[in-house]
Structure formats: C-alpha cells, structure tokens
Amino acid sequence: YLAGTAQPLEVVGTAGEEMAELQVTMGEGPASEALRQN
C-alpha cells in the first residue's frame, strides 16, 4: 500500500491478496494502523 491523499490506502502491488480491497473498503485494519503509528 501507499499512504494516499484522496484514498487513505492506495494498493500498488499484490500477490494473491484479496484483503487489500476488503481493508480499503472497510477503512480499518492492520495496514491502516501500521501507517498511522508508523
């Protein structure tokens, strides 16, 4: 993921990863937390 501006998370690469779309749609999850807390 990239930290986005219009989108909180922008997906730029995946491999068998369906959680990316799920996490972006729901607006919460470990990726958002990792970005927020660095």
PDB file of all heavy atoms in Angstrom:
ATOM      1  N   TYR A   1       0.831  -1.194   0.000  1.00  0.00           N
ATOM      2  CA  TYR A   1       0.000   0.000   0.000  1.00  0.00           C
ATOM      3  C   TYR A   1       0.873   1.255   0.000  1.00  0.00           C
ATOM      4  O   TYR A   1       1.974   1.254   0.540  1.00  0.00           O
ATOM      5  CB  TYR A   1      -0.869   0.075   1.262  1.00  0.00           C
ATOM      6  CG  TYR A   1      -1.777  -1.090   1.510  1.00  0.00           C
ATOM      7  CD1 TYR A   1      -1.333  -2.196   2.228  1.00  0.00           C
ATOM      8  CD2 TYR A   1      -3.097  -1.077   1.074  1.00  0.00           C
ATOM      9  CE1 TYR A   1      -2.179  -3.267   2.482  1.00  0.00           C
ATOM     10  CE2 TYR A   1      -3.949  -2.137   1.329  1.00  0.00           C
ATOM     11  CZ  TYR A   1      -3.484  -3.227   2.028  1.00  0.00           C
ATOM     12  OH  TYR A   1      -4.316  -4.289   2.291  1.00  0.00           O
ATOM     13  N   LEU A   2       0.340   2.317  -0.585  1.00  0.00           N
ATOM     14  CA  LEU A   2       0.895   3.652  -0.411  1.00  0.00           C
ATOM     15  C   LEU A   2      -0.060   4.454   0.453  1.00  0.00           C
ATOM     16  O   LEU A   2      -1.281   4.280   0.365  1.00  0.00           O
ATOM     17  CB  LEU A   2       1.046   4.361  -1.763  1.00  0.00           C
ATOM     18  CG  LEU A   2       2.320   4.127  -2.564  1.00  0.00           C
ATOM     19  CD1 LEU A   2       2.257   4.934  -3.858  1.00  0.00           C
ATOM     20  CD2 LEU A   2       3.554   4.510  -1.767  1.00  0.00           C
ATOM     21  N   ALA A   3       0.492   5.330   1.283  1.00  0.00           N
ATOM     22  CA  ALA A   3      -0.349   6.270   2.014  1.00  0.00           C
ATOM     23  C   ALA A   3      -0.901   7.269   1.002  1.00  0.00           C
ATOM     24  O   ALA A   3      -0.129   7.973   0.342  1.00  0.00           O
ATOM     25  CB  ALA A   3       0.466   6.983   3.092  1.00  0.00           C
ATOM     26  N   GLY A   4      -2.218   7.312   0.845  1.00  0.00           N
ATOM     27  CA  GLY A   4      -2.825   8.137  -0.183  1.00  0.00           C
ATOM     28  C   GLY A   4      -3.288   9.480   0.337  1.00  0.00           C
ATOM     29  O   GLY A   4      -3.187   9.793   1.519  1.00  0.00           O
ATOM     30  N   THR A   5      -3.783  10.273  -0.585  1.00  0.00           N
ATOM     31  CA  THR A   5      -4.385  11.563  -0.250  1.00  0.00           C
ATOM     32  C   THR A   5      -5.893  11.462  -0.418  1.00  0.00           C
ATOM     33  O   THR A   5      -6.642  11.580   0.543  1.00  0.00           O
ATOM     34  CB  THR A   5      -3.814  12.665  -1.139  1.00  0.00           C
ATOM     35  OG1 THR A   5      -3.908  12.274  -2.522  1.00  0.00           O
ATOM     36  CG2 THR A   5      -2.351  12.912  -0.799  1.00  0.00           C
ATOM     37  N   ALA A   6      -6.346  11.221  -1.631  1.00  0.00           N
ATOM     38  CA  ALA A   6      -7.786  11.038  -1.851  1.00  0.00           C
ATOM     39  C   ALA A   6      -8.261   9.759  -1.181  1.00  0.00           C
ATOM     40  O   ALA A   6      -9.338   9.704  -0.599  1.00  0.00           O
ATOM     41  CB  ALA A   6      -8.088  10.987  -3.348  1.00  0.00           C
ATOM     42  N   GLN A   7      -7.426   8.693  -1.249  1.00  0.00           N
ATOM     43  CA  GLN A   7      -7.756   7.424  -0.627  1.00  0.00           C
ATOM     44  C   GLN A   7      -6.795   7.201   0.536  1.00  0.00           C
ATOM     45  O   GLN A   7      -5.587   7.398   0.382  1.00  0.00           O
ATOM     46  CB  GLN A   7      -7.621   6.283  -1.640  1.00  0.00           C
ATOM     47  CG  GLN A   7      -8.465   6.455  -2.882  1.00  0.00           C
ATOM     48  CD  GLN A   7      -8.166   5.386  -3.915  1.00  0.00           C
ATOM     49  OE1 GLN A   7      -7.623   4.338  -3.607  1.00  0.00           O
ATOM     50  NE2 GLN A   7      -8.526   5.665  -5.153  1.00  0.00           N
ATOM     51  N   PRO A   8      -7.305   6.763   1.700  1.00  0.00           N
ATOM     52  CA  PRO A   8      -6.410   6.519   2.837  1.00  0.00           C
ATOM     53  C   PRO A   8      -5.328   5.500   2.518  1.00  0.00           C
ATOM     54  O   PRO A   8      -4.192   5.618   2.969  1.00  0.00           O
ATOM     55  CB  PRO A   8      -7.356   6.005   3.918  1.00  0.00           C
ATOM     56  CG  PRO A   8      -8.707   6.517   3.530  1.00  0.00           C
ATOM     57  CD  PRO A   8      -8.714   6.533   2.031  1.00  0.00           C
ATOM     58  N   LEU A   9      -5.682   4.473   1.741  1.00  0.00           N
ATOM     59  CA  LEU A   9      -4.728   3.463   1.306  1.00  0.00           C
ATOM     60  C   LEU A   9      -4.852   3.301  -0.199  1.00  0.00           C
ATOM     61  O   LEU A   9      -5.955   3.199  -0.729  1.00  0.00           O
ATOM     62  CB  LEU A   9      -5.014   2.111   1.968  1.00  0.00           C
ATOM     63  CG  LEU A   9      -4.861   1.989   3.478  1.00  0.00           C
ATOM     64  CD1 LEU A   9      -5.350   0.618   3.933  1.00  0.00           C
ATOM     65  CD2 LEU A   9      -3.416   2.191   3.885  1.00  0.00           C
ATOM     66  N   GLU A  10      -3.729   3.279  -0.889  1.00  0.00           N
ATOM     67  CA  GLU A  10      -3.723   3.011  -2.314  1.00  0.00           C
ATOM     68  C   GLU A  10      -2.917   1.747  -2.555  1.00  0.00           C
ATOM     69  O   GLU A  10      -1.776   1.639  -2.121  1.00  0.00           O
ATOM     70  CB  GLU A  10      -3.122   4.187  -3.086  1.00  0.00           C
ATOM     71  CG  GLU A  10      -3.918   5.475  -2.942  1.00  0.00           C
ATOM     72  CD  GLU A  10      -3.401   6.576  -3.829  1.00  0.00           C
ATOM     73  OE1 GLU A  10      -2.835   6.266  -4.894  1.00  0.00           O
ATOM     74  OE2 GLU A  10      -3.551   7.750  -3.459  1.00  0.00           O
ATOM     75  N   VAL A  11      -3.510   0.772  -3.221  1.00  0.00           N
ATOM     76  CA  VAL A  11      -2.862  -0.508  -3.467  1.00  0.00           C
ATOM     77  C   VAL A  11      -2.001  -0.389  -4.727  1.00  0.00           C
ATOM     78  O   VAL A  11      -2.504  -0.016  -5.785  1.00  0.00           O
ATOM     79  CB  VAL A  11      -3.898  -1.627  -3.641  1.00  0.00           C
ATOM     80  CG1 VAL A  11      -3.208  -2.962  -3.880  1.00  0.00           C
ATOM     81  CG2 VAL A  11      -4.795  -1.709  -2.410  1.00  0.00           C
ATOM     82  N   VAL A  12      -0.709  -0.693  -4.604  1.00  0.00           N
ATOM     83  CA  VAL A  12       0.184  -0.587  -5.758  1.00  0.00           C
ATOM     84  C   VAL A  12       0.827  -1.907  -6.136  1.00  0.00           C
ATOM     85  O   VAL A  12       1.555  -1.975  -7.128  1.00  0.00           O
ATOM     86  CB  VAL A  12       1.281   0.476  -5.514  1.00  0.00           C
ATOM     87  CG1 VAL A  12       0.677   1.857  -5.429  1.00  0.00           C
ATOM     88  CG2 VAL A  12       2.093   0.180  -4.266  1.00  0.00           C
ATOM     89  N   GLY A  13       0.565  -2.957  -5.385  1.00  0.00           N
ATOM     90  CA  GLY A  13       1.091  -4.265  -5.746  1.00  0.00           C
ATOM     91  C   GLY A  13       0.444  -5.349  -4.908  1.00  0.00           C
ATOM     92  O   GLY A  13       0.227  -5.159  -3.710  1.00  0.00           O
ATOM     93  N   THR A  14       0.122  -6.476  -5.531  1.00  0.00           N
ATOM     94  CA  THR A  14      -0.482  -7.586  -4.798  1.00  0.00           C
ATOM     95  C   THR A  14      -0.006  -8.914  -5.369  1.00  0.00           C
ATOM     96  O   THR A  14       0.431  -9.008  -6.515  1.00  0.00           O
ATOM     97  CB  THR A  14      -2.026  -7.573  -4.872  1.00  0.00           C
ATOM     98  OG1 THR A  14      -2.427  -7.702  -6.242  1.00  0.00           O
ATOM     99  CG2 THR A  14      -2.599  -6.304  -4.280  1.00  0.00           C
ATOM    100  N   ALA A  15      -0.123  -9.958  -4.552  1.00  0.00           N
ATOM    101  CA  ALA A  15       0.100 -11.337  -4.986  1.00  0.00           C
ATOM    102  C   ALA A  15      -0.865 -12.204  -4.198  1.00  0.00           C
ATOM    103  O   ALA A  15      -0.666 -12.439  -3.010  1.00  0.00           O
ATOM    104  CB  ALA A  15       1.547 -11.764  -4.749  1.00  0.00           C
ATOM    105  N   GLY A  16      -1.937 -12.633  -4.833  1.00  0.00           N
ATOM    106  CA  GLY A  16      -2.927 -13.458  -4.160  1.00  0.00           C
ATOM    107  C   GLY A  16      -3.557 -12.763  -2.983  1.00  0.00           C
ATOM    108  O   GLY A  16      -3.933 -13.410  -2.003  1.00  0.00           O
ATOM    109  N   GLU A  17      -3.668 -11.452  -3.026  1.00  0.00           N
ATOM    110  CA  GLU A  17      -4.089 -10.665  -1.865  1.00  0.00           C
ATOM    111  C   GLU A  17      -5.467 -10.054  -2.095  1.00  0.00           C
ATOM    112  O   GLU A  17      -5.623  -9.058  -2.788  1.00  0.00           O
ATOM    113  CB  GLU A  17      -3.053  -9.572  -1.606  1.00  0.00           C
ATOM    114  CG  GLU A  17      -3.481  -8.475  -0.648  1.00  0.00           C
ATOM    115  CD  GLU A  17      -3.641  -8.920   0.778  1.00  0.00           C
ATOM    116  OE1 GLU A  17      -4.441  -9.837   1.011  1.00  0.00           O
ATOM    117  OE2 GLU A  17      -2.988  -8.343   1.653  1.00  0.00           O
ATOM    118  N   GLU A  18      -6.494 -10.707  -1.530  1.00  0.00           N
ATOM    119  CA  GLU A  18      -7.842 -10.160  -1.611  1.00  0.00           C
ATOM    120  C   GLU A  18      -8.154  -9.252  -0.426  1.00  0.00           C
ATOM    121  O   GLU A  18      -9.123  -8.512  -0.442  1.00  0.00           O
ATOM    122  CB  GLU A  18      -8.875 -11.301  -1.672  1.00  0.00           C
ATOM    123  CG  GLU A  18      -8.756 -12.148  -2.928  1.00  0.00           C
ATOM    124  CD  GLU A  18      -8.877 -11.344  -4.202  1.00  0.00           C
ATOM    125  OE1 GLU A  18      -9.739 -10.440  -4.280  1.00  0.00           O
ATOM    126  OE2 GLU A  18      -8.095 -11.602  -5.140  1.00  0.00           O
ATOM    127  N   MET A  19      -7.318  -9.316   0.620  1.00  0.00           N
ATOM    128  CA  MET A  19      -7.569  -8.487   1.797  1.00  0.00           C
ATOM    129  C   MET A  19      -7.375  -7.009   1.499  1.00  0.00           C
ATOM    130  O   MET A  19      -7.923  -6.154   2.193  1.00  0.00           O
ATOM    131  CB  MET A  19      -6.631  -8.891   2.940  1.00  0.00           C
ATOM    132  CG  MET A  19      -6.973 -10.219   3.582  1.00  0.00           C
ATOM    133  SD  MET A  19      -8.676 -10.301   4.227  1.00  0.00           S
ATOM    134  CE  MET A  19      -9.505 -11.131   2.856  1.00  0.00           C
ATOM    135  N   ALA A  20      -6.596  -6.707   0.468  1.00  0.00           N
ATOM    136  CA  ALA A  20      -6.344  -5.304   0.138  1.00  0.00           C
ATOM    137  C   ALA A  20      -7.649  -4.577  -0.133  1.00  0.00           C
ATOM    138  O   ALA A  20      -7.929  -3.528   0.448  1.00  0.00           O
ATOM    139  CB  ALA A  20      -5.406  -5.208  -1.065  1.00  0.00           C
ATOM    140  N   GLU A  21      -8.472  -5.135  -1.002  1.00  0.00           N
ATOM    141  CA  GLU A  21      -9.727  -4.472  -1.336  1.00  0.00           C
ATOM    142  C   GLU A  21     -10.670  -4.454  -0.142  1.00  0.00           C
ATOM    143  O   GLU A  21     -11.364  -3.461   0.088  1.00  0.00           O
ATOM    144  CB  GLU A  21     -10.388  -5.161  -2.532  1.00  0.00           C
ATOM    145  CG  GLU A  21     -11.562  -4.391  -3.087  1.00  0.00           C
ATOM    146  CD  GLU A  21     -11.910  -4.761  -4.505  1.00  0.00           C
ATOM    147  OE1 GLU A  21     -11.200  -5.591  -5.105  1.00  0.00           O
ATOM    148  OE2 GLU A  21     -12.898  -4.216  -5.015  1.00  0.00           O
ATOM    149  N   LEU A  22     -10.692  -5.514   0.625  1.00  0.00           N
ATOM    150  CA  LEU A  22     -11.544  -5.574   1.810  1.00  0.00           C
ATOM    151  C   LEU A  22     -11.151  -4.486   2.805  1.00  0.00           C
ATOM    152  O   LEU A  22     -12.002  -3.772   3.345  1.00  0.00           O
ATOM    153  CB  LEU A  22     -11.419  -6.953   2.457  1.00  0.00           C
ATOM    154  CG  LEU A  22     -12.229  -7.203   3.725  1.00  0.00           C
ATOM    155  CD1 LEU A  22     -13.719  -7.156   3.428  1.00  0.00           C
ATOM    156  CD2 LEU A  22     -11.861  -8.565   4.324  1.00  0.00           C
ATOM    157  N   GLN A  23      -9.848  -4.318   3.021  1.00  0.00           N
ATOM    158  CA  GLN A  23      -9.375  -3.362   4.010  1.00  0.00           C
ATOM    159  C   GLN A  23      -9.626  -1.918   3.560  1.00  0.00           C
ATOM    160  O   GLN A  23     -10.005  -1.063   4.355  1.00  0.00           O
ATOM    161  CB  GLN A  23      -7.882  -3.573   4.259  1.00  0.00           C
ATOM    162  CG  GLN A  23      -7.375  -2.936   5.510  1.00  0.00           C
ATOM    163  CD  GLN A  23      -6.065  -3.550   5.981  1.00  0.00           C
ATOM    164  OE1 GLN A  23      -5.657  -3.311   7.100  1.00  0.00           O
ATOM    165  NE2 GLN A  23      -5.395  -4.335   5.174  1.00  0.00           N
ATOM    166  N   VAL A  24      -9.412  -1.642   2.277  1.00  0.00           N
ATOM    167  CA  VAL A  24      -9.652  -0.296   1.754  1.00  0.00           C
ATOM    168  C   VAL A  24     -11.134   0.041   1.835  1.00  0.00           C
ATOM    169  O   VAL A  24     -11.526   1.153   2.206  1.00  0.00           O
ATOM    170  CB  VAL A  24      -9.132  -0.176   0.312  1.00  0.00           C
ATOM    171  CG1 VAL A  24      -9.561   1.149  -0.303  1.00  0.00           C
ATOM    172  CG2 VAL A  24      -7.614  -0.275   0.284  1.00  0.00           C
ATOM    173  N   THR A  25     -11.989  -0.923   1.506  1.00  0.00           N
ATOM    174  CA  THR A  25     -13.427  -0.684   1.530  1.00  0.00           C
ATOM    175  C   THR A  25     -13.920  -0.407   2.942  1.00  0.00           C
ATOM    176  O   THR A  25     -14.737   0.503   3.159  1.00  0.00           O
ATOM    177  CB  THR A  25     -14.184  -1.900   0.953  1.00  0.00           C
ATOM    178  OG1 THR A  25     -13.737  -2.144  -0.382  1.00  0.00           O
ATOM    179  CG2 THR A  25     -15.689  -1.646   0.938  1.00  0.00           C
ATOM    180  N   MET A  26     -13.425  -1.153   3.913  1.00  0.00           N
ATOM    181  CA  MET A  26     -13.930  -1.020   5.283  1.00  0.00           C
ATOM    182  C   MET A  26     -13.269   0.106   6.058  1.00  0.00           C
ATOM    183  O   MET A  26     -13.783   0.538   7.094  1.00  0.00           O
ATOM    184  CB  MET A  26     -13.757  -2.352   6.020  1.00  0.00           C
ATOM    185  CG  MET A  26     -14.626  -3.440   5.441  1.00  0.00           C
ATOM    186  SD  MET A  26     -14.524  -4.981   6.342  1.00  0.00           S
ATOM    187  CE  MET A  26     -15.900  -5.864   5.567  1.00  0.00           C
ATOM    188  N   GLY A  27     -12.126   0.569   5.587  1.00  0.00           N
ATOM    189  CA  GLY A  27     -11.494   1.717   6.220  1.00  0.00           C
ATOM    190  C   GLY A  27     -10.850   1.438   7.559  1.00  0.00           C
ATOM    191  O   GLY A  27     -10.571   2.359   8.323  1.00  0.00           O
ATOM    192  N   GLU A  28     -10.599   0.176   7.862  1.00  0.00           N
ATOM    193  CA  GLU A  28      -9.900  -0.175   9.100  1.00  0.00           C
ATOM    194  C   GLU A  28      -9.125  -1.455   8.878  1.00  0.00           C
ATOM    195  O   GLU A  28      -9.356  -2.183   7.912  1.00  0.00           O
ATOM    196  CB  GLU A  28     -10.884  -0.356  10.266  1.00  0.00           C
ATOM    197  CG  GLU A  28     -11.788  -1.568  10.128  1.00  0.00           C
ATOM    198  CD  GLU A  28     -12.631  -1.825  11.375  1.00  0.00           C
ATOM    199  OE1 GLU A  28     -12.953  -0.858  12.075  1.00  0.00           O
ATOM    200  OE2 GLU A  28     -12.965  -3.008  11.629  1.00  0.00           O
ATOM    201  N   GLY A  29      -8.183  -1.717   9.784  1.00  0.00           N
ATOM    202  CA  GLY A  29      -7.394  -2.932   9.681  1.00  0.00           C
ATOM    203  C   GLY A  29      -5.940  -2.683  10.013  1.00  0.00           C
ATOM    204  O   GLY A  29      -5.530  -1.559  10.301  1.00  0.00           O
ATOM    205  N   PRO A  30      -5.129  -3.730   9.993  1.00  0.00           N
ATOM    206  CA  PRO A  30      -3.743  -3.607  10.416  1.00  0.00           C
ATOM    207  C   PRO A  30      -2.896  -2.702   9.529  1.00  0.00           C
ATOM    208  O   PRO A  30      -1.977  -2.050  10.021  1.00  0.00           O
ATOM    209  CB  PRO A  30      -3.229  -5.052  10.393  1.00  0.00           C
ATOM    210  CG  PRO A  30      -4.208  -5.804   9.548  1.00  0.00           C
ATOM    211  CD  PRO A  30      -5.513  -5.130   9.706  1.00  0.00           C
ATOM    212  N   ALA A  31      -3.175  -2.638   8.221  1.00  0.00           N
ATOM    213  CA  ALA A  31      -2.378  -1.769   7.350  1.00  0.00           C
ATOM    214  C   ALA A  31      -2.609  -0.301   7.691  1.00  0.00           C
ATOM    215  O   ALA A  31      -1.662   0.483   7.782  1.00  0.00           O
ATOM    216  CB  ALA A  31      -2.712  -2.038   5.883  1.00  0.00           C
ATOM    217  N   SER A  32      -3.869   0.074   7.884  1.00  0.00           N
ATOM    218  CA  SER A  32      -4.173   1.455   8.275  1.00  0.00           C
ATOM    219  C   SER A  32      -3.512   1.800   9.599  1.00  0.00           C
ATOM    220  O   SER A  32      -2.972   2.904   9.786  1.00  0.00           O
ATOM    221  CB  SER A  32      -5.689   1.647   8.388  1.00  0.00           C
ATOM    222  OG  SER A  32      -6.328   1.440   7.149  1.00  0.00           O
ATOM    223  N   GLU A  33      -3.529   0.855  10.536  1.00  0.00           N
ATOM    224  CA  GLU A  33      -2.939   1.104  11.856  1.00  0.00           C
ATOM    225  C   GLU A  33      -1.423   1.226  11.774  1.00  0.00           C
ATOM    226  O   GLU A  33      -0.812   2.082  12.426  1.00  0.00           O
ATOM    227  CB  GLU A  33      -3.327  -0.013  12.815  1.00  0.00           C
ATOM    228  CG  GLU A  33      -2.917   0.244  14.241  1.00  0.00           C
ATOM    229  CD  GLU A  33      -3.604  -0.700  15.219  1.00  0.00           C
ATOM    230  OE1 GLU A  33      -4.815  -0.963  15.057  1.00  0.00           O
ATOM    231  OE2 GLU A  33      -2.925  -1.168  16.145  1.00  0.00           O
ATOM    232  N   ALA A  34      -0.791   0.383  10.959  1.00  0.00           N
ATOM    233  CA  ALA A  34       0.657   0.447  10.801  1.00  0.00           C
ATOM    234  C   ALA A  34       1.088   1.787  10.200  1.00  0.00           C
ATOM    235  O   ALA A  34       2.101   2.368  10.608  1.00  0.00           O
ATOM    236  CB  ALA A  34       1.143  -0.706   9.928  1.00  0.00           C
ATOM    237  N   LEU A  35       0.306   2.277   9.239  1.00  0.00           N
ATOM    238  CA  LEU A  35       0.613   3.577   8.638  1.00  0.00           C
ATOM    239  C   LEU A  35       0.422   4.708   9.648  1.00  0.00           C
ATOM    240  O   LEU A  35       1.237   5.637   9.718  1.00  0.00           O
ATOM    241  CB  LEU A  35      -0.279   3.812   7.421  1.00  0.00           C
ATOM    242  CG  LEU A  35       0.161   3.136   6.122  1.00  0.00           C
ATOM    243  CD1 LEU A  35      -0.911   3.292   5.055  1.00  0.00           C
ATOM    244  CD2 LEU A  35       1.469   3.718   5.634  1.00  0.00           C
ATOM    245  N   ARG A  36      -0.639   4.625  10.414  1.00  0.00           N
ATOM    246  CA  ARG A  36      -0.948   5.683  11.380  1.00  0.00           C
ATOM    247  C   ARG A  36       0.110   5.740  12.488  1.00  0.00           C
ATOM    248  O   ARG A  36       0.524   6.822  12.907  1.00  0.00           O
ATOM    249  CB  ARG A  36      -2.337   5.457  11.970  1.00  0.00           C
ATOM    250  CG  ARG A  36      -2.823   6.571  12.882  1.00  0.00           C
ATOM    251  CD  ARG A  36      -4.271   6.384  13.242  1.00  0.00           C
ATOM    252  NE  ARG A  36      -4.534   5.145  13.949  1.00  0.00           N
ATOM    253  CZ  ARG A  36      -5.153   4.093  13.425  1.00  0.00           C
ATOM    254  NH1 ARG A  36      -5.591   4.127  12.172  1.00  0.00           N
ATOM    255  NH2 ARG A  36      -5.367   2.994  14.138  1.00  0.00           N
ATOM    256  N   GLN A  37       0.547   4.578  12.947  1.00  0.00           N
ATOM    257  CA  GLN A  37       1.502   4.523  14.053  1.00  0.00           C
ATOM    258  C   GLN A  37       2.955   4.476  13.588  1.00  0.00           C
ATOM    259  O   GLN A  37       3.869   4.648  14.393  1.00  0.00           O
ATOM    260  CB  GLN A  37       1.205   3.295  14.924  1.00  0.00           C
ATOM    261  CG  GLN A  37      -0.167   3.315  15.569  1.00  0.00           C
ATOM    262  CD  GLN A  37      -0.424   2.093  16.440  1.00  0.00           C
ATOM    263  OE1 GLN A  37       0.389   1.168  16.490  1.00  0.00           O
ATOM    264  NE2 GLN A  37      -1.553   2.082  17.121  1.00  0.00           N
ATOM    265  N   ASN A  38       3.154   4.212  12.289  1.00  0.00           N
ATOM    266  CA  ASN A  38       4.492   4.073  11.711  1.00  0.00           C
ATOM    267  C   ASN A  38       5.320   3.035  12.466  1.00  0.00           C
ATOM    268  O   ASN A  38       6.481   3.266  12.816  1.00  0.00           O
ATOM    269  CB  ASN A  38       5.229   5.413  11.672  1.00  0.00           C
ATOM    270  CG  ASN A  38       6.440   5.388  10.739  1.00  0.00           C
ATOM    271  OD1 ASN A  38       6.599   4.454   9.960  1.00  0.00           O
ATOM    272  ND2 ASN A  38       7.283   6.398  10.830  1.00  0.00           N
TER     273      ASN A  38
END
